[in-house]
Amino acid sequence: MKDHDERWPEERFRQLRQQADPDIDKVVAEYLQAQPAGKGPLELVKAVIAELGAAKREARAPSGEPPASEIFEALGFAADLPEWGDDKELLARGQAVFSDYGLYQSAALFCKCLPMAYVEVSSAKVLAGVSGLATHSLTRRVAETGQMLVDVMGLKAADSLLPGGPGHTTAFGLRILHSFVRALVNERHAGHWDTARYGPPVNQELLLATIFDFSVVTWEALESMGVRLTEEQRAAHLYTWSVFGHLMGVEVCRDGPLTLDDVEPVSRRLGRLYESSDEGRRLMARLLEEMESFMYLGWRKLPRSLVHWVFRDAAYGADRVPELLGVPKPAWWCTALFAAARAAHRRGRAAGPLDGVIRWLVRRAGRYIVIALIDRHSGGQAPFRIPPELARAWRIRQSAGAVRTRELRRAVRRRLRAPAQGRKEPHR
């Protein structure tokens, strides 16, 4: 472990924090300088999103019409996997972690991964101030994150990360979009972004934290939900995310994959990023509002309860995340259930039926979350869709009729909840 501690000194994290993605940023800057007056990065972001959506629907590499095509051509889209990243068997085992536990990971995305992004101040500022500009919707941005998980991990096909595959298209598209986020921040917040403190927007330290959110943080959430991955599963999952990170321009994944030996020293260093901010609290409140609006009657407070549950006893200061983000108190019945389960675990015994109940609650929440993304964002230029085999396994219907039926049911729930929601909650 000492060798890996030496690989991750504090100085390396300071360097990563001040580093963006110079190769792609140079191409984007030159492109923007060549545009006529009045045409800025926002217009190109929209064109890139539209072309990426079309490329994934048509199972091809992005090309399209100008202006998006000019960026793809300049960057040489058809990048191969790294030499160390072509182990198809290992990639398939890493992807199987999602296909086997996808509903748990859907719940983990909302209840732990996104809150971890909101508690990092520079990330929260970018997400609150820039990321919604092209789509005008926080939940649209969340749906795009969910689609990324499906594209990279949910297809049971290692070639999804090859050029032209949906995972590869998603990774390279994110790399382009991150560069335009930096350009947008420079355009709209010139002189107001604290580079000395935060580094450039979407810097390499933040990208490393993102890879950890979708791998290590997810394992921790799954374990709190009663699902413990084997060491082999975790290694394969981290390998697959490392390949994705390489394609997305993550510096620490340039020459080789992250390994399980990196988990503890990196997690310890990243723990110092946790901080409360107005932007983070607003994002968390909006996320809970969206999640809870899709819960069935009697289950509205399940999402906030799960947030408290998955951060309970979290290491490296992450147990403070619900407080830092102002997450309201959990439902009383969840508090009692989780307390009983924890007491059983502390006595060295499995919680038995309680563990089963908790896993059932998590799967239920995960299913509601996926349904919410489908119903809210199944149309448009970047629709949220899941493969038919996952839809069948998760018992989710995606037809227009099913979507309309669910919307009618939600309208009834909204009317029934309206009187209660008219009274302000003391902890909201």
Protein backbone atom coordinates (compact mmCIF):
# COMPACT_ATOMS: atom_id res chain seq x y z
CA MET A 1 0.00 0.00 0.00
CA LYS A 2 2.93 2.34 0.64
CA ASP A 3 3.90 2.21 -3.04
CA HIS A 4 0.41 3.28 -4.03
CA ASP A 5 0.39 6.06 -1.44
CA GLU A 6 3.59 7.32 -3.07
CA ARG A 7 1.87 7.16 -6.46
CA TRP A 8 -0.83 9.52 -5.20
CA PRO A 9 0.92 12.34 -3.30
CA GLU A 10 -0.93 15.56 -2.56
CA GLU A 11 1.19 17.34 -5.16
CA ARG A 12 -0.19 15.08 -7.90
CA PHE A 13 -3.74 16.07 -6.98
CA ARG A 14 -2.80 19.76 -7.04
CA GLN A 15 -1.45 19.26 -10.56
CA LEU A 16 -4.55 17.39 -11.69
CA ARG A 17 -6.74 20.16 -10.28
CA GLN A 18 -4.98 22.76 -12.46
CA GLN A 19 -5.04 20.61 -15.61
CA ALA A 20 -7.89 20.46 -18.12
CA ASP A 21 -7.66 18.68 -21.50
CA PRO A 22 -5.17 20.80 -23.48
CA ASP A 23 -5.27 18.84 -26.75
CA ILE A 24 -9.01 19.09 -27.23
CA ASP A 25 -9.25 22.56 -25.67
CA LYS A 26 -6.80 23.85 -28.32
CA VAL A 27 -8.95 22.46 -31.15
CA VAL A 28 -12.14 23.90 -29.66
CA ALA A 29 -10.55 27.31 -29.03
CA GLU A 30 -9.30 27.50 -32.64
CA TYR A 31 -12.72 26.48 -33.91
CA LEU A 32 -14.51 29.12 -31.84
CA GLN A 33 -12.09 31.84 -32.95
CA ALA A 34 -12.92 31.04 -36.57
CA GLN A 35 -16.69 31.43 -36.06
CA PRO A 36 -18.53 34.58 -37.18
CA ALA A 37 -19.52 37.17 -34.59
CA GLY A 38 -22.49 36.17 -32.46
CA LYS A 39 -21.84 32.44 -32.73
CA GLY A 40 -20.50 31.08 -29.47
CA PRO A 41 -19.93 27.71 -27.81
CA LEU A 42 -23.59 27.21 -26.85
CA GLU A 43 -24.70 26.85 -30.48
CA LEU A 44 -22.05 24.21 -31.13
CA VAL A 45 -22.94 22.33 -27.94
CA LYS A 46 -26.48 21.93 -29.25
CA ALA A 47 -25.22 20.74 -32.64
CA VAL A 48 -22.85 18.23 -31.03
CA ILE A 49 -25.62 16.85 -28.77
CA ALA A 50 -27.92 16.43 -31.77
CA GLU A 51 -25.27 14.62 -33.82
CA LEU A 52 -24.27 12.34 -30.96
CA GLY A 53 -27.91 11.35 -30.48
CA ALA A 54 -28.30 10.61 -34.20
CA ALA A 55 -25.06 8.62 -34.29
CA LYS A 56 -26.15 6.39 -31.41
CA ARG A 57 -29.59 5.81 -32.91
CA GLU A 58 -28.03 4.84 -36.24
CA ALA A 59 -25.13 2.84 -34.71
CA ARG A 60 -22.43 4.82 -36.49
CA ALA A 61 -19.54 7.14 -35.69
CA PRO A 62 -20.50 10.82 -35.44
CA SER A 63 -20.03 12.90 -38.57
CA GLY A 64 -23.12 14.88 -39.48
CA GLU A 65 -23.40 18.36 -40.89
CA PRO A 66 -21.39 21.44 -40.00
CA PRO A 67 -20.69 22.78 -37.45
CA ALA A 68 -20.58 19.54 -35.43
CA SER A 69 -18.84 17.58 -38.20
CA GLU A 70 -15.93 20.03 -38.23
CA ILE A 71 -15.14 19.26 -34.60
CA PHE A 72 -15.33 15.48 -35.07
CA GLU A 73 -13.09 15.67 -38.13
CA ALA A 74 -10.56 17.92 -36.39
CA LEU A 75 -10.29 15.57 -33.42
CA GLY A 76 -10.05 12.38 -35.45
CA PHE A 77 -13.03 10.61 -33.94
CA ALA A 78 -12.07 7.02 -34.79
CA ALA A 79 -9.73 6.56 -31.82
CA ASP A 80 -9.00 2.96 -30.95
CA LEU A 81 -9.06 1.53 -27.47
CA PRO A 82 -5.75 1.86 -25.60
CA GLU A 83 -3.32 -1.05 -25.98
CA TRP A 84 -4.05 -2.12 -22.41
CA GLY A 85 -7.83 -1.80 -22.87
CA ASP A 86 -8.72 -4.54 -25.34
CA ASP A 87 -9.42 -7.39 -22.91
CA LYS A 88 -12.95 -8.19 -24.08
CA GLU A 89 -13.50 -10.83 -21.41
CA LEU A 90 -12.62 -8.38 -18.65
CA LEU A 91 -14.76 -5.66 -20.26
CA ALA A 92 -17.72 -8.04 -20.43
CA ARG A 93 -17.30 -8.97 -16.76
CA GLY A 94 -17.20 -5.29 -15.84
CA GLN A 95 -20.35 -4.57 -17.85
CA ALA A 96 -22.11 -7.55 -16.25
CA VAL A 97 -21.97 -5.73 -12.90
CA PHE A 98 -24.50 -3.27 -14.31
CA SER A 99 -26.67 -5.77 -16.14
CA ASP A 100 -26.85 -7.95 -13.01
CA TYR A 101 -27.48 -5.12 -10.53
CA GLY A 102 -28.85 -2.34 -12.72
CA LEU A 103 -31.81 -1.31 -10.55
CA TYR A 104 -29.53 -1.04 -7.53
CA GLN A 105 -27.14 1.10 -9.57
CA SER A 106 -30.00 3.32 -10.76
CA ALA A 107 -30.82 4.00 -7.12
CA ALA A 108 -27.12 4.49 -6.36
CA LEU A 109 -26.83 7.06 -9.18
CA PHE A 110 -29.51 9.26 -7.61
CA CYS A 111 -28.88 8.55 -3.96
CA LYS A 112 -25.08 8.62 -3.82
CA CYS A 113 -23.21 9.33 -7.09
CA LEU A 114 -24.99 12.59 -7.94
CA PRO A 115 -24.92 13.89 -4.34
CA MET A 116 -21.16 13.24 -4.35
CA ALA A 117 -20.90 15.50 -7.42
CA TYR A 118 -23.04 18.19 -5.77
CA VAL A 119 -20.87 18.28 -2.65
CA GLU A 120 -17.78 19.18 -4.70
CA VAL A 121 -18.10 22.94 -5.05
CA SER A 122 -16.62 23.50 -8.51
CA SER A 123 -18.70 20.63 -9.88
CA ALA A 124 -21.87 22.04 -8.32
CA LYS A 125 -21.15 25.49 -9.74
CA VAL A 126 -20.68 24.10 -13.24
CA LEU A 127 -23.74 21.85 -13.06
CA ALA A 128 -25.94 24.63 -11.67
CA GLY A 129 -24.70 27.38 -13.98
CA VAL A 130 -23.69 25.81 -17.27
CA SER A 131 -24.70 22.21 -17.89
CA GLY A 132 -28.40 22.95 -18.24
CA LEU A 133 -27.93 25.73 -20.80
CA ALA A 134 -28.24 23.47 -23.82
CA THR A 135 -31.20 21.53 -22.48
CA HIS A 136 -32.74 23.89 -19.87
CA SER A 137 -33.38 21.04 -17.46
CA LEU A 138 -31.57 19.45 -14.54
CA THR A 139 -33.44 16.21 -15.09
CA ARG A 140 -32.43 16.25 -18.75
CA ARG A 141 -28.82 16.35 -17.57
CA VAL A 142 -29.51 13.51 -15.13
CA ALA A 143 -31.14 11.49 -17.91
CA GLU A 144 -28.02 11.97 -20.03
CA THR A 145 -25.95 10.60 -17.14
CA GLY A 146 -28.28 7.62 -16.85
CA GLN A 147 -28.04 7.02 -20.60
CA MET A 148 -24.26 7.06 -20.29
CA LEU A 149 -24.45 4.23 -17.75
CA VAL A 150 -26.66 2.21 -20.09
CA ASP A 151 -24.49 2.89 -23.15
CA VAL A 152 -21.25 1.96 -21.42
CA MET A 153 -22.39 -0.79 -19.06
CA GLY A 154 -25.88 -1.98 -19.91
CA LEU A 155 -25.55 -3.62 -23.31
CA LYS A 156 -23.58 -6.79 -22.46
CA ALA A 157 -21.42 -6.07 -25.51
CA ALA A 158 -17.72 -5.22 -25.09
CA ASP A 159 -17.68 -3.74 -28.61
CA SER A 160 -19.89 -0.88 -27.36
CA LEU A 161 -16.59 0.81 -26.44
CA LEU A 162 -15.14 0.38 -29.95
CA PRO A 163 -15.35 3.27 -32.46
CA GLY A 164 -18.94 3.61 -33.62
CA GLY A 165 -20.29 1.83 -30.54
CA PRO A 166 -22.61 3.75 -28.18
CA GLY A 167 -20.15 3.67 -25.27
CA HIS A 168 -17.34 5.03 -27.43
CA THR A 169 -19.60 7.72 -28.92
CA THR A 170 -20.71 8.73 -25.42
CA ALA A 171 -17.14 8.92 -24.08
CA PHE A 172 -15.79 10.99 -26.93
CA GLY A 173 -18.89 13.18 -26.96
CA LEU A 174 -18.45 13.91 -23.26
CA ARG A 175 -14.84 14.89 -23.88
CA ILE A 176 -15.97 17.42 -26.47
CA LEU A 177 -18.81 18.72 -24.32
CA HIS A 178 -16.53 19.16 -21.31
CA SER A 179 -14.28 21.34 -23.45
CA PHE A 180 -17.23 23.49 -24.44
CA VAL A 181 -18.31 23.72 -20.81
CA ARG A 182 -14.91 25.24 -20.07
CA ALA A 183 -15.38 27.64 -23.00
CA LEU A 184 -18.86 28.59 -21.76
CA VAL A 185 -17.58 29.28 -18.25
CA ASN A 186 -14.81 31.46 -19.66
CA GLU A 187 -17.33 33.31 -21.83
CA ARG A 188 -19.99 33.85 -19.16
CA HIS A 189 -17.93 34.04 -15.97
CA ALA A 190 -14.70 35.70 -17.14
CA GLY A 191 -12.88 37.07 -14.13
CA HIS A 192 -15.31 35.47 -11.64
CA TRP A 193 -14.17 31.84 -11.71
CA ASP A 194 -11.65 31.17 -8.93
CA THR A 195 -9.08 29.17 -10.90
CA ALA A 196 -6.54 29.24 -8.09
CA ARG A 197 -9.02 27.48 -5.78
CA TYR A 198 -11.03 25.30 -8.17
CA GLY A 199 -8.73 24.88 -11.15
CA PRO A 200 -10.30 25.06 -14.61
CA PRO A 201 -13.90 23.79 -14.90
CA VAL A 202 -14.16 20.02 -15.34
CA ASN A 203 -10.48 19.59 -14.50
CA GLN A 204 -8.57 16.31 -14.27
CA GLU A 205 -9.03 15.95 -10.52
CA LEU A 206 -12.78 16.26 -11.00
CA LEU A 207 -12.72 13.75 -13.88
CA LEU A 208 -10.88 11.26 -11.66
CA ALA A 209 -13.52 11.81 -8.95
CA THR A 210 -16.22 11.15 -11.57
CA ILE A 211 -14.68 7.79 -12.53
CA PHE A 212 -14.60 6.91 -8.82
CA ASP A 213 -18.24 8.00 -8.39
CA PHE A 214 -19.37 5.52 -11.03
CA SER A 215 -17.19 2.70 -9.76
CA VAL A 216 -15.94 2.83 -6.17
CA VAL A 217 -18.76 4.99 -4.79
CA THR A 218 -21.26 2.72 -6.53
CA TRP A 219 -19.76 -0.40 -4.88
CA GLU A 220 -20.07 1.28 -1.49
CA ALA A 221 -23.70 2.16 -2.18
CA LEU A 222 -24.45 -1.38 -3.34
CA GLU A 223 -22.90 -2.82 -0.19
CA SER A 224 -25.09 -0.60 2.00
CA MET A 225 -28.05 -1.90 -0.05
CA GLY A 226 -27.12 -5.52 0.72
CA VAL A 227 -25.19 -6.32 -2.48
CA ARG A 228 -21.50 -7.11 -1.98
CA LEU A 229 -19.43 -7.48 -5.14
CA THR A 230 -16.52 -9.90 -5.27
CA GLU A 231 -12.98 -8.63 -5.68
CA GLU A 232 -13.00 -9.96 -9.27
CA GLN A 233 -16.22 -8.09 -10.07
CA ARG A 234 -14.87 -4.84 -8.65
CA ALA A 235 -11.57 -5.18 -10.53
CA ALA A 236 -13.36 -5.81 -13.83
CA HIS A 237 -15.82 -2.96 -13.22
CA LEU A 238 -12.98 -0.53 -12.48
CA TYR A 239 -11.09 -1.76 -15.56
CA THR A 240 -14.10 -1.04 -17.79
CA TRP A 241 -14.55 2.44 -16.33
CA SER A 242 -10.82 3.05 -16.82
CA VAL A 243 -11.16 2.28 -20.53
CA PHE A 244 -14.10 4.69 -20.69
CA GLY A 245 -12.01 7.24 -18.78
CA HIS A 246 -9.17 6.90 -21.29
CA LEU A 247 -11.59 7.64 -24.15
CA MET A 248 -13.03 10.56 -22.16
CA GLY A 249 -9.60 12.12 -21.73
CA VAL A 250 -8.96 11.27 -18.07
CA GLU A 251 -5.23 11.78 -17.57
CA VAL A 252 -4.72 9.07 -14.94
CA CYS A 253 -6.20 6.52 -17.37
CA ARG A 254 -3.91 7.51 -20.24
CA ASP A 255 -1.27 4.81 -19.78
CA GLY A 256 -3.06 2.08 -17.85
CA PRO A 257 -6.17 1.19 -15.87
CA LEU A 258 -6.91 2.08 -12.28
CA THR A 259 -6.64 -0.93 -9.97
CA LEU A 260 -8.04 -1.94 -6.61
CA ASP A 261 -4.75 -0.88 -5.01
CA ASP A 262 -5.56 2.71 -6.06
CA VAL A 263 -8.94 2.78 -4.33
CA GLU A 264 -7.92 3.57 -0.75
CA PRO A 265 -5.28 6.29 -1.40
CA VAL A 266 -7.39 8.07 -4.05
CA SER A 267 -10.57 7.89 -1.94
CA ARG A 268 -8.67 9.36 1.02
CA ARG A 269 -7.37 12.27 -1.07
CA LEU A 270 -10.73 12.98 -2.72
CA GLY A 271 -12.45 13.13 0.68
CA ARG A 272 -11.14 16.63 1.24
CA LEU A 273 -13.30 17.98 -1.63
CA TYR A 274 -16.57 17.70 0.32
CA GLU A 275 -18.05 21.12 1.04
CA SER A 276 -21.47 22.74 1.26
CA SER A 277 -22.52 25.36 -1.28
CA ASP A 278 -25.71 27.14 -2.29
CA GLU A 279 -25.46 25.55 -5.73
CA GLY A 280 -25.04 22.05 -4.32
CA ARG A 281 -27.99 22.42 -1.98
CA ARG A 282 -30.20 23.74 -4.79
CA LEU A 283 -29.22 20.86 -7.06
CA MET A 284 -29.93 18.31 -4.33
CA ALA A 285 -33.32 19.87 -3.52
CA ARG A 286 -34.29 19.83 -7.19
CA LEU A 287 -33.12 16.23 -7.61
CA LEU A 288 -35.18 15.07 -4.63
CA GLU A 289 -38.20 17.01 -5.87
CA GLU A 290 -37.99 15.22 -9.21
CA MET A 291 -37.40 11.77 -7.71
CA GLU A 292 -40.16 12.10 -5.16
CA SER A 293 -42.72 13.30 -7.70
CA PHE A 294 -42.52 9.88 -9.37
CA MET A 295 -42.96 7.85 -6.20
CA TYR A 296 -46.26 6.09 -5.58
CA LEU A 297 -48.57 7.25 -2.78
CA GLY A 298 -47.05 6.44 0.58
CA TRP A 299 -43.52 6.20 -0.87
CA ARG A 300 -42.71 9.85 -1.51
CA LYS A 301 -39.98 10.09 1.13
CA LEU A 302 -38.22 6.90 0.03
CA PRO A 303 -35.52 8.72 -2.03
CA ARG A 304 -34.43 11.05 0.80
CA SER A 305 -34.48 8.08 3.19
CA LEU A 306 -32.18 6.08 0.91
CA VAL A 307 -29.79 9.05 0.63
CA HIS A 308 -29.40 9.04 4.41
CA TRP A 309 -29.05 5.25 4.43
CA VAL A 310 -26.29 4.93 1.80
CA PHE A 311 -24.19 7.67 3.43
CA ARG A 312 -24.53 6.24 6.93
CA ASP A 313 -21.03 5.44 8.28
CA ALA A 314 -19.43 6.32 4.91
CA ALA A 315 -15.64 6.71 5.04
CA TYR A 316 -13.37 9.71 4.40
CA GLY A 317 -15.93 12.26 5.61
CA ALA A 318 -18.64 11.26 3.12
CA ASP A 319 -21.03 10.56 6.00
CA ARG A 320 -21.48 14.37 6.17
CA VAL A 321 -22.84 14.63 2.61
CA PRO A 322 -26.60 14.61 3.48
CA GLU A 323 -26.05 17.36 6.04
CA LEU A 324 -23.87 19.41 3.68
CA LEU A 325 -26.57 19.21 0.99
CA GLY A 326 -29.49 19.88 3.33
CA VAL A 327 -31.23 16.57 2.67
CA PRO A 328 -34.53 16.48 4.64
CA LYS A 329 -35.00 13.92 7.41
CA PRO A 330 -35.93 10.39 6.31
CA ALA A 331 -39.39 8.90 6.68
CA TRP A 332 -40.02 7.59 10.18
CA TRP A 333 -40.71 4.07 8.93
CA CYS A 334 -37.41 4.01 7.00
CA THR A 335 -35.55 5.24 10.07
CA ALA A 336 -36.96 2.39 12.17
CA LEU A 337 -36.29 -0.22 9.47
CA PHE A 338 -32.71 0.86 8.86
CA ALA A 339 -31.96 1.15 12.58
CA ALA A 340 -33.12 -2.45 13.13
CA ALA A 341 -31.00 -3.69 10.22
CA ARG A 342 -27.91 -1.84 11.51
CA ALA A 343 -28.40 -3.23 15.00
CA ALA A 344 -28.49 -6.77 13.61
CA HIS A 345 -25.30 -6.17 11.61
CA ARG A 346 -23.50 -4.72 14.63
CA ARG A 347 -24.32 -7.87 16.58
CA GLY A 348 -22.53 -9.82 13.87
CA ARG A 349 -25.69 -11.36 12.43
CA ALA A 350 -27.28 -10.98 9.04
CA ALA A 351 -30.44 -8.93 9.23
CA GLY A 352 -32.29 -11.79 7.51
CA PRO A 353 -35.74 -10.65 6.37
CA LEU A 354 -34.79 -7.02 6.98
CA ASP A 355 -32.01 -7.22 4.40
CA GLY A 356 -34.52 -8.63 1.97
CA VAL A 357 -36.94 -5.78 2.66
CA ILE A 358 -34.20 -3.18 2.14
CA ARG A 359 -33.12 -4.76 -1.15
CA TRP A 360 -36.76 -4.79 -2.26
CA LEU A 361 -37.12 -1.10 -1.37
CA VAL A 362 -33.96 -0.24 -3.31
CA ARG A 363 -35.05 -2.17 -6.39
CA ARG A 364 -38.44 -0.47 -6.20
CA ALA A 365 -36.82 2.98 -5.99
CA GLY A 366 -34.45 2.11 -8.85
CA ARG A 367 -37.36 1.01 -11.02
CA TYR A 368 -39.31 4.22 -10.30
CA ILE A 369 -36.23 6.26 -11.18
CA VAL A 370 -35.74 4.51 -14.54
CA ILE A 371 -39.45 4.92 -15.31
CA ALA A 372 -39.19 8.62 -14.45
CA LEU A 373 -36.34 9.14 -16.91
CA ILE A 374 -38.14 7.23 -19.66
CA ASP A 375 -41.42 9.06 -19.17
CA ARG A 376 -39.85 12.50 -18.86
CA HIS A 377 -37.16 12.18 -21.52
CA SER A 378 -38.02 9.45 -24.03
CA GLY A 379 -38.41 12.05 -26.79
CA GLY A 380 -36.19 14.83 -28.11
CA GLN A 381 -32.79 14.86 -29.75
CA ALA A 382 -31.10 12.94 -26.93
CA PRO A 383 -33.77 10.52 -25.67
CA PHE A 384 -33.38 8.27 -22.64
CA ARG A 385 -33.97 4.65 -23.64
CA ILE A 386 -32.91 1.28 -22.29
CA PRO A 387 -32.34 -1.89 -24.33
CA PRO A 388 -35.34 -4.23 -24.63
CA GLU A 389 -33.61 -6.98 -22.66
CA LEU A 390 -33.11 -4.65 -19.68
CA ALA A 391 -36.67 -3.35 -19.97
CA ARG A 392 -37.98 -6.92 -19.80
CA ALA A 393 -35.74 -7.85 -16.88
CA TRP A 394 -36.81 -4.74 -14.96
CA ARG A 395 -40.51 -5.07 -15.95
CA ILE A 396 -40.62 -1.62 -17.53
CA ARG A 397 -42.84 -0.89 -20.51
CA GLN A 398 -41.64 1.85 -22.85
CA SER A 399 -44.56 2.05 -25.30
CA ALA A 400 -46.41 5.32 -25.85
CA GLY A 401 -49.53 3.81 -24.27
CA ALA A 402 -47.66 2.78 -21.14
CA VAL A 403 -46.14 6.26 -20.82
CA ARG A 404 -49.58 7.90 -21.13
CA THR A 405 -51.09 5.54 -18.55
CA ARG A 406 -48.34 6.33 -16.05
CA GLU A 407 -48.78 10.05 -16.65
CA LEU A 408 -52.49 9.79 -15.83
CA ARG A 409 -51.64 8.01 -12.60
CA ARG A 410 -49.09 10.69 -11.71
CA ALA A 411 -51.67 13.40 -12.35
CA VAL A 412 -53.97 11.73 -9.82
CA ARG A 413 -51.13 11.50 -7.29
CA ARG A 414 -50.26 15.17 -7.80
CA ARG A 415 -53.85 16.20 -7.07
CA LEU A 416 -53.97 14.06 -3.94
CA ARG A 417 -50.62 15.39 -2.69
CA ALA A 418 -51.27 19.04 -3.50
CA PRO A 419 -52.96 19.95 -0.17
CA ALA A 420 -50.16 18.41 1.89
CA GLN A 421 -47.42 19.98 -0.23
CA GLY A 422 -49.08 23.36 0.14
CA ARG A 423 -47.96 23.28 3.76
CA LYS A 424 -44.23 23.88 3.99
CA GLU A 425 -42.19 21.05 5.48
CA PRO A 426 -40.04 22.26 8.38
CA HIS A 427 -36.96 20.38 7.15
CA ARG A 428 -37.33 21.02 3.43
